[in-house]
C-alpha atoms as a PDB file:
ATOM      1  CA  MET A   1     -12.879   7.449  -4.256  1.00  0.00           C
ATOM      2  CA  ARG A   2     -10.645  10.467  -4.637  1.00  0.00           C
ATOM      3  CA  LYS A   3      -6.976  10.993  -3.862  1.00  0.00           C
ATOM      4  CA  SER A   4      -6.265  13.684  -1.307  1.00  0.00           C
ATOM      5  CA  ARG A   5      -4.222  15.723  -3.761  1.00  0.00           C
ATOM      6  CA  GLN A   6      -7.223  15.914  -6.107  1.00  0.00           C
ATOM      7  CA  PHE A   7      -8.969  18.147  -3.574  1.00  0.00           C
ATOM      8  CA  LEU A   8      -6.216  20.747  -3.618  1.00  0.00           C
ATOM      9  CA  SER A   9      -6.859  23.920  -5.649  1.00  0.00           C
ATOM     10  CA  LEU A  10     -10.481  22.964  -6.357  1.00  0.00           C
ATOM     11  CA  PRO A  11     -12.718  26.060  -6.353  1.00  0.00           C
ATOM     12  CA  VAL A  12     -15.440  26.101  -3.700  1.00  0.00           C
ATOM     13  CA  VAL A  13     -18.806  27.307  -5.001  1.00  0.00           C
ATOM     14  CA  SER A  14     -21.827  28.286  -2.884  1.00  0.00           C
ATOM     15  CA  LEU A  15     -25.134  27.077  -4.312  1.00  0.00           C
ATOM     16  CA  GLU A  16     -27.322  29.819  -2.816  1.00  0.00           C
ATOM     17  CA  GLU A  17     -25.166  32.779  -3.888  1.00  0.00           C
ATOM     18  CA  GLY A  18     -23.797  31.148  -7.034  1.00  0.00           C
ATOM     19  CA  LYS A  19     -20.268  32.395  -6.466  1.00  0.00           C
ATOM     20  CA  GLU A  20     -16.803  31.100  -5.775  1.00  0.00           C
ATOM     21  CA  ILE A  21     -15.827  31.619  -2.150  1.00  0.00           C
ATOM     22  CA  GLY A  22     -12.252  30.386  -2.409  1.00  0.00           C
ATOM     23  CA  ARG A  23     -10.009  27.467  -3.301  1.00  0.00           C
ATOM     24  CA  ILE A  24      -9.001  24.477  -1.222  1.00  0.00           C
ATOM     25  CA  ARG A  25      -5.485  24.891   0.176  1.00  0.00           C
ATOM     26  CA  GLY A  26      -5.339  22.004   2.632  1.00  0.00           C
ATOM     27  CA  LEU A  27      -7.082  19.125   4.389  1.00  0.00           C
ATOM     28  CA  VAL A  28      -7.530  18.837   8.145  1.00  0.00           C
ATOM     29  CA  VAL A  29      -7.195  15.212   9.276  1.00  0.00           C
ATOM     30  CA  ASN A  30      -8.931  13.768  12.316  1.00  0.00           C
ATOM     31  CA  PRO A  31      -6.544  10.903  13.223  1.00  0.00           C
ATOM     32  CA  GLN A  32      -8.879   9.358  15.804  1.00  0.00           C
ATOM     33  CA  ALA A  33     -11.777   9.056  13.359  1.00  0.00           C
ATOM     34  CA  GLY A  34      -9.631   8.356  10.293  1.00  0.00           C
ATOM     35  CA  GLU A  35     -11.323  11.032   8.228  1.00  0.00           C
ATOM     36  CA  ILE A  36     -11.094  14.529   6.786  1.00  0.00           C
ATOM     37  CA  ALA A  37     -12.581  16.842   9.409  1.00  0.00           C
ATOM     38  CA  ALA A  38     -12.429  20.067   7.426  1.00  0.00           C
ATOM     39  CA  LEU A  39     -11.095  21.871   4.373  1.00  0.00           C
ATOM     40  CA  LEU A  40      -8.838  24.910   4.519  1.00  0.00           C
ATOM     41  CA  VAL A  41     -10.080  27.491   2.030  1.00  0.00           C
ATOM     42  CA  GLN A  42      -8.399  30.683   0.872  1.00  0.00           C
ATOM     43  CA  ARG A  43      -9.535  33.404  -1.491  1.00  0.00           C
ATOM     44  CA  GLY A  44      -7.092  35.634  -3.330  1.00  0.00           C
ATOM     45  CA  GLY A  45      -3.388  35.933  -2.514  1.00  0.00           C
ATOM     46  CA  ILE A  46      -1.292  34.342   0.192  1.00  0.00           C
ATOM     47  CA  PHE A  47      -1.925  37.225   2.600  1.00  0.00           C
ATOM     48  CA  THR A  48      -5.710  36.853   2.612  1.00  0.00           C
ATOM     49  CA  GLU A  49      -7.432  35.225   5.566  1.00  0.00           C
ATOM     50  CA  GLN A  50      -7.807  31.461   5.495  1.00  0.00           C
ATOM     51  CA  LYS A  51     -11.195  29.999   6.362  1.00  0.00           C
ATOM     52  CA  VAL A  52     -12.400  26.518   7.240  1.00  0.00           C
ATOM     53  CA  ILE A  53     -15.276  24.406   5.952  1.00  0.00           C
ATOM     54  CA  PRO A  54     -16.228  21.475   8.217  1.00  0.00           C
ATOM     55  CA  TYR A  55     -16.525  18.468   5.933  1.00  0.00           C
ATOM     56  CA  PRO A  56     -20.176  17.676   6.854  1.00  0.00           C
ATOM     57  CA  ARG A  57     -21.082  20.994   5.169  1.00  0.00           C
ATOM     58  CA  VAL A  58     -19.797  19.786   1.796  1.00  0.00           C
ATOM     59  CA  VAL A  59     -22.675  19.161  -0.621  1.00  0.00           C
ATOM     60  CA  SER A  60     -20.761  17.583  -3.485  1.00  0.00           C
ATOM     61  CA  VAL A  61     -17.254  17.040  -4.827  1.00  0.00           C
ATOM     62  CA  GLY A  62     -16.932  17.175  -8.603  1.00  0.00           C
ATOM     63  CA  ASN A  63     -14.033  17.032 -11.013  1.00  0.00           C
ATOM     64  CA  ASN A  64     -13.959  20.803 -11.421  1.00  0.00           C
ATOM     65  CA  ALA A  65     -15.432  22.231  -8.223  1.00  0.00           C
ATOM     66  CA  LEU A  66     -16.611  21.500  -4.694  1.00  0.00           C
ATOM     67  CA  THR A  67     -19.988  22.850  -3.640  1.00  0.00           C
ATOM     68  CA  VAL A  68     -21.444  24.018  -0.324  1.00  0.00           C
ATOM     69  CA  GLN A  69     -24.961  25.255   0.408  1.00  0.00           C
ATOM     70  CA  LYS A  70     -24.016  28.855   1.206  1.00  0.00           C
ATOM     71  CA  ALA A  71     -21.003  31.120   1.588  1.00  0.00           C
ATOM     72  CA  SER A  72     -21.340  31.164   5.371  1.00  0.00           C
ATOM     73  CA  SER A  73     -20.373  27.463   5.379  1.00  0.00           C
ATOM     74  CA  ALA A  74     -16.794  28.741   5.467  1.00  0.00           C
ATOM     75  CA  GLU A  75     -15.903  30.150   8.880  1.00  0.00           C
ATOM     76  CA  LYS A  76     -12.905  31.598  10.631  1.00  0.00           C
ATOM     77  CA  LEU A  77     -10.708  28.975  12.236  1.00  0.00           C
ATOM     78  CA  THR A  78     -11.014  30.646  15.632  1.00  0.00           C
ATOM     79  CA  SER A  79     -14.781  30.054  15.529  1.00  0.00           C
ATOM     80  CA  LEU A  80     -14.289  26.283  15.414  1.00  0.00           C
ATOM     81  CA  PRO A  81     -12.139  25.254  18.408  1.00  0.00           C
ATOM     82  CA  GLN A  82     -12.304  21.507  17.735  1.00  0.00           C
ATOM     83  CA  ILE A  83     -10.963  21.953  14.231  1.00  0.00           C
ATOM     84  CA  LEU A  84      -8.426  24.469  15.520  1.00  0.00           C
ATOM     85  CA  ASN A  85      -7.045  21.763  17.817  1.00  0.00           C
ATOM     86  CA  LEU A  86      -6.732  19.362  14.874  1.00  0.00           C
ATOM     87  CA  VAL A  87      -4.885  22.016  12.876  1.00  0.00           C
ATOM     88  CA  LYS A  88      -2.457  22.395  15.771  1.00  0.00           C
ATOM     89  CA  GLU A  89      -1.914  18.613  15.822  1.00  0.00           C
ATOM     90  CA  ASN A  90      -0.869  18.979  12.179  1.00  0.00           C
ATOM     91  CA  VAL A  91      -1.257  15.333  11.134  1.00  0.00           C
ATOM     92  CA  GLN A  92      -0.262  15.345   7.463  1.00  0.00           C
ATOM     93  CA  LEU A  93      -0.212  11.581   6.747  1.00  0.00           C
ATOM     94  CA  LYS A  94       1.919  11.996   3.622  1.00  0.00           C
ATOM     95  CA  GLY A  95       5.456  10.956   4.404  1.00  0.00           C
ATOM     96  CA  SER A  96       4.424   9.025   7.524  1.00  0.00           C
ATOM     97  CA  ARG A  97       6.200   5.708   8.032  1.00  0.00           C
ATOM     98  CA  VAL A  98       4.055   2.574   8.052  1.00  0.00           C
ATOM     99  CA  ILE A  99       5.028   0.098  10.788  1.00  0.00           C
ATOM    100  CA  THR A 100       3.288  -3.117  11.865  1.00  0.00           C
ATOM    101  CA  GLU A 101       2.520  -3.920  15.502  1.00  0.00           C
ATOM    102  CA  GLY A 102       5.454  -6.319  15.385  1.00  0.00           C
ATOM    103  CA  GLY A 103       7.868  -3.610  14.253  1.00  0.00           C
ATOM    104  CA  THR A 104       8.097  -4.490  10.538  1.00  0.00           C
ATOM    105  CA  ALA A 105       8.502  -1.491   8.201  1.00  0.00           C
ATOM    106  CA  LEU A 106       6.160  -1.570   5.198  1.00  0.00           C
ATOM    107  CA  GLY A 107       7.172   1.778   3.689  1.00  0.00           C
ATOM    108  CA  TYR A 108       5.729   5.288   3.869  1.00  0.00           C
ATOM    109  CA  VAL A 109       2.518   7.043   2.849  1.00  0.00           C
ATOM    110  CA  VAL A 110       2.603   8.882  -0.481  1.00  0.00           C
ATOM    111  CA  ASP A 111      -1.138   9.630  -0.665  1.00  0.00           C
ATOM    112  CA  PHE A 112      -4.510   8.439   0.596  1.00  0.00           C
ATOM    113  CA  PHE A 113      -7.996   7.919  -0.811  1.00  0.00           C
ATOM    114  CA  VAL A 114     -11.104   9.619   0.554  1.00  0.00           C
ATOM    115  CA  ASP A 115     -14.788   8.824   0.145  1.00  0.00           C
ATOM    116  CA  PRO A 116     -15.985  12.247  -1.094  1.00  0.00           C
ATOM    117  CA  SER A 117     -19.506  11.723   0.246  1.00  0.00           C
ATOM    118  CA  THR A 118     -18.378  11.213   3.864  1.00  0.00           C
ATOM    119  CA  GLY A 119     -14.765  12.370   4.139  1.00  0.00           C
ATOM    120  CA  LYS A 120     -13.731   8.929   5.432  1.00  0.00           C
ATOM    121  CA  ILE A 121     -10.251   7.712   4.505  1.00  0.00           C
ATOM    122  CA  THR A 122     -10.695   4.390   2.693  1.00  0.00           C
ATOM    123  CA  SER A 123      -7.126   3.385   1.855  1.00  0.00           C
ATOM    124  CA  TYR A 124      -3.521   4.530   1.859  1.00  0.00           C
ATOM    125  CA  GLU A 125      -1.132   4.521  -1.068  1.00  0.00           C
ATOM    126  CA  ILE A 126       2.231   3.465   0.297  1.00  0.00           C
ATOM    127  CA  SER A 127       5.661   3.142  -1.236  1.00  0.00           C
ATOM    128  CA  GLY A 128       8.237   0.529  -0.322  1.00  0.00           C
ATOM    129  CA  LYS A 129      11.163   2.494  -1.722  1.00  0.00           C
ATOM    130  CA  SER A 130      12.914   2.854   1.599  1.00  0.00           C
ATOM    131  CA  PRO A 131      15.976   0.844   2.729  1.00  0.00           C
ATOM    132  CA  GLU A 132      14.104  -0.718   5.658  1.00  0.00           C
ATOM    133  CA  SER A 133      11.022  -1.840   3.705  1.00  0.00           C
ATOM    134  CA  ILE A 134      10.414  -5.537   3.061  1.00  0.00           C
ATOM    135  CA  TRP A 135       9.165  -4.900  -0.494  1.00  0.00           C
ATOM    136  CA  LYS A 136       9.534  -2.385  -3.314  1.00  0.00           C
ATOM    137  CA  GLY A 137       7.018  -0.446  -5.382  1.00  0.00           C
ATOM    138  CA  LYS A 138       3.634   1.133  -4.588  1.00  0.00           C
ATOM    139  CA  ALA A 139       0.521  -0.533  -3.202  1.00  0.00           C
ATOM    140  CA  LEU A 140      -2.773   0.222  -1.481  1.00  0.00           C
ATOM    141  CA  LEU A 141      -3.352  -0.527   2.178  1.00  0.00           C
ATOM    142  CA  PRO A 142      -7.021  -0.734   3.284  1.00  0.00           C
ATOM    143  CA  ALA A 143      -7.864   1.743   6.057  1.00  0.00           C
ATOM    144  CA  GLU A 144      -9.255  -1.017   8.288  1.00  0.00           C
ATOM    145  CA  GLU A 145      -5.714  -2.378   8.675  1.00  0.00           C
ATOM    146  CA  VAL A 146      -4.612   0.833  10.435  1.00  0.00           C
ATOM    147  CA  ARG A 147      -4.598   0.679  14.217  1.00  0.00           C
ATOM    148  CA  THR A 148      -3.160   4.103  15.098  1.00  0.00           C
ATOM    149  CA  ILE A 149      -2.608   7.286  13.102  1.00  0.00           C
ATOM    150  CA  GLY A 150       0.215   9.271  14.642  1.00  0.00           C
ATOM    151  CA  LYS A 151       1.899  12.469  13.554  1.00  0.00           C
ATOM    152  CA  ASP A 152       4.872  10.651  12.034  1.00  0.00           C
ATOM    153  CA  VAL A 153       3.902   6.958  11.992  1.00  0.00           C
ATOM    154  CA  LEU A 154       0.970   4.792  10.953  1.00  0.00           C
ATOM    155  CA  VAL A 155       0.790   1.667  13.117  1.00  0.00           C
ATOM    156  CA  VAL A 156      -0.924  -1.181  11.269  1.00  0.00           C
ATOM    157  CA  ARG A 157      -2.056  -4.611  12.392  1.00  0.00           C
ATOM    158  CA  GLN A 158       0.322  -7.549  12.392  1.00  0.00           C
ATOM    159  CA  GLY A 159       0.064  -9.305   9.024  1.00  0.00           C
ATOM    160  CA  ALA A 160      -1.243  -6.192   7.246  1.00  0.00           C
ATOM    161  CA  GLU A 161       1.369  -6.745   4.527  1.00  0.00           C
ATOM    162  CA  GLU A 162      -0.820  -9.582   3.234  1.00  0.00           C
ATOM    163  CA  SER A 163      -3.572  -7.029   2.527  1.00  0.00           C
ATOM    164  CA  LEU A 164      -1.383  -4.823   0.340  1.00  0.00           C
ATOM    165  CA  LYS A 165      -2.932  -4.534  -3.103  1.00  0.00           C
ATOM    166  CA  GLN A 166      -1.369  -3.398  -6.329  1.00  0.00           C
ATOM    167  CA  GLY A 167      -2.947  -2.678  -9.691  1.00  0.00           C
ATOM    168  CA  GLU A 168      -6.427  -4.215  -9.895  1.00  0.00           C
ATOM    169  CA  GLY A 169      -6.320  -5.989  -6.559  1.00  0.00           C
ATOM    170  CA  ALA A 170      -3.374  -8.342  -7.014  1.00  0.00           C
ATOM    171  CA  LEU A 171      -1.127  -8.810  -4.040  1.00  0.00           C
ATOM    172  CA  ALA A 172       1.967  -6.669  -4.177  1.00  0.00           C
ATOM    173  CA  GLU A 173       4.653  -8.688  -5.867  1.00  0.00           C
ATOM    174  CA  GLY A 174       7.222  -7.917  -3.230  1.00  0.00           C
ATOM    175  CA  VAL A 175       5.032  -9.172  -0.411  1.00  0.00           C
ATOM    176  CA  LYS A 176       3.948 -12.237  -2.356  1.00  0.00           C
ATOM    177  CA  SER A 177       7.557 -13.031  -3.135  1.00  0.00           C
ATOM    178  CA  LEU A 178       8.552 -12.587   0.504  1.00  0.00           C
ATOM    179  CA  LYS A 179       5.785 -14.916   1.633  1.00  0.00           C
ATOM    180  CA  GLY A 180       6.677 -17.661  -0.846  1.00  0.00           C
ATOM    181  CA  THR A 181      10.461 -17.614  -0.604  1.00  0.00           C
ATOM    182  CA  THR A 182      10.700 -20.305   2.070  1.00  0.00           C
ATOM    183  CA  ASN A 183       8.241 -22.625   0.324  1.00  0.00           C
ATOM    184  CA  ARG A 184      10.065 -22.337  -2.990  1.00  0.00           C
ATOM    185  CA  PHE A 185      13.386 -23.052  -1.339  1.00  0.00           C
ATOM    186  CA  LEU A 186      12.027 -26.186   0.344  1.00  0.00           C
ATOM    187  CA  GLN A 187      10.430 -27.369  -2.874  1.00  0.00           C
ATOM    188  CA  LYS A 188      13.651 -26.997  -4.816  1.00  0.00           C
ATOM    189  CA  ALA A 189      15.554 -28.807  -2.073  1.00  0.00           C
ATOM    190  CA  ARG A 190      13.119 -31.735  -2.223  1.00  0.00           C
ATOM    191  CA  GLN A 191      13.359 -31.898  -6.016  1.00  0.00           C
ATOM    192  CA  LEU A 192      17.143 -31.939  -5.883  1.00  0.00           C
ATOM    193  CA  HIS A 193      17.100 -34.657  -3.203  1.00  0.00           C
ATOM    194  CA  SER A 194      14.730 -36.811  -5.276  1.00  0.00           C
ATOM    195  CA  ARG A 195      16.866 -36.353  -8.385  1.00  0.00           C
ATOM    196  CA  LEU A 196      19.991 -37.429  -6.562  1.00  0.00           C
ATOM    197  CA  GLN A 197      18.209 -40.503  -5.192  1.00  0.00           C
ATOM    198  CA  GLY A 198      17.002 -41.390  -8.670  1.00  0.00           C
ATOM    199  CA  GLU A 199      20.503 -41.224 -10.087  1.00  0.00           C
ATOM    200  CA  GLU A 200      21.845 -43.412  -7.290  1.00  0.00           C
ATOM    201  CA  PHE A 201      19.131 -46.064  -7.105  1.00  0.00           C
ATOM    202  CA  GLY A 202      17.504 -45.978 -10.535  1.00  0.00           C
ATOM    203  CA  GLU A 203      13.816 -45.696 -11.272  1.00  0.00           C
ATOM    204  CA  THR A 204      12.900 -48.997  -9.512  1.00  0.00           C
ATOM    205  CA  GLY A 205      14.488 -47.951  -6.266  1.00  0.00           C
ATOM    206  CA  SER A 206      17.178 -50.704  -6.286  1.00  0.00           C
ATOM    207  CA  ARG A 207      20.848 -50.245  -6.832  1.00  0.00           C
ATOM    208  CA  GLU A 208      22.020 -50.917 -10.362  1.00  0.00           C
ATOM    209  CA  LYS A 209      24.467 -53.775 -10.721  1.00  0.00           C
ATOM    210  CA  PRO A 210      27.696 -53.059 -12.477  1.00  0.00           C
ATOM    211  CA  GLN A 211      27.815 -54.590 -15.978  1.00  0.00           C
ATOM    212  CA  GLU A 212      30.124 -57.583 -16.496  1.00  0.00           C
ATOM    213  CA  GLU A 213      32.845 -57.197 -19.021  1.00  0.00           C
ATOM    214  CA  GLU A 214      32.191 -59.051 -22.269  1.00  0.00           C
ATOM    215  CA  ALA A 215      34.793 -61.377 -23.722  1.00  0.00           C
ATOM    216  CA  PRO A 216      36.552 -60.001 -26.763  1.00  0.00           C
ATOM    217  CA  ARG A 217      34.632 -60.975 -29.891  1.00  0.00           C
ATOM    218  CA  ASP A 218      37.647 -61.207 -32.205  1.00  0.00           C
ATOM    219  CA  ALA A 219      39.787 -63.458 -30.015  1.00  0.00           C
ATOM    220  CA  PRO A 220      42.093 -65.677 -32.181  1.00  0.00           C
ATOM    221  CA  PRO A 221      41.009 -69.388 -32.364  1.00  0.00           C
ATOM    222  CA  LYS A 222      42.967 -71.939 -30.366  1.00  0.00           C
ATOM    223  CA  ASP A 223      45.410 -74.209 -32.256  1.00  0.00           C
ATOM    224  CA  GLN A 224      43.709 -77.419 -33.515  1.00  0.00           C
ATOM    225  CA  PRO A 225      45.541 -80.724 -32.791  1.00  0.00           C
ATOM    226  CA  THR A 226      46.991 -82.343 -35.906  1.00  0.00           C
END
């Protein structure tokens, strides 16, 4: 898997001509399919014409370059009306808020992972560092939890917070803590109640009798009759 930002600035090399035809300047997202539809490629300065490579024309994505079969794989945007419409939609994903179907805020998208062989989005890296989020930190949200990709908001399934993964697959600590708060509170309450009962009734469950006062041991002897 590859983060979206790892595509940016990669040189695009044609295999037939053996030359660089430009560098990747942007990704075109298809929100309905949940995938990268095309790559925006530019050669030279900022005033040169930008071209588009439909993702199915990508041969391979390496660490240092992306390859296509031939230079003509990159076309003018006006020649590809479907991709032109997606560019006009301008779905960026990064910065989008993540909201469950029930209206719970999980955070916002900071990046997303792509399967380089297909262009499919596999997961979203989200951050909970917003005042409305129910947890803090960064975590991965599997793409199958996403119901709708909008221009500003990702709508995810109810309960998707339980699928948040952090590190090597552990549940995000904030979500795990949120889920267990009630259970821990009840457990502590039961322990306190049992402790108080033990102090009141003793270990056998019966009330302890108050101890009788002992007679003084050094009481003076009574006078003996003479």
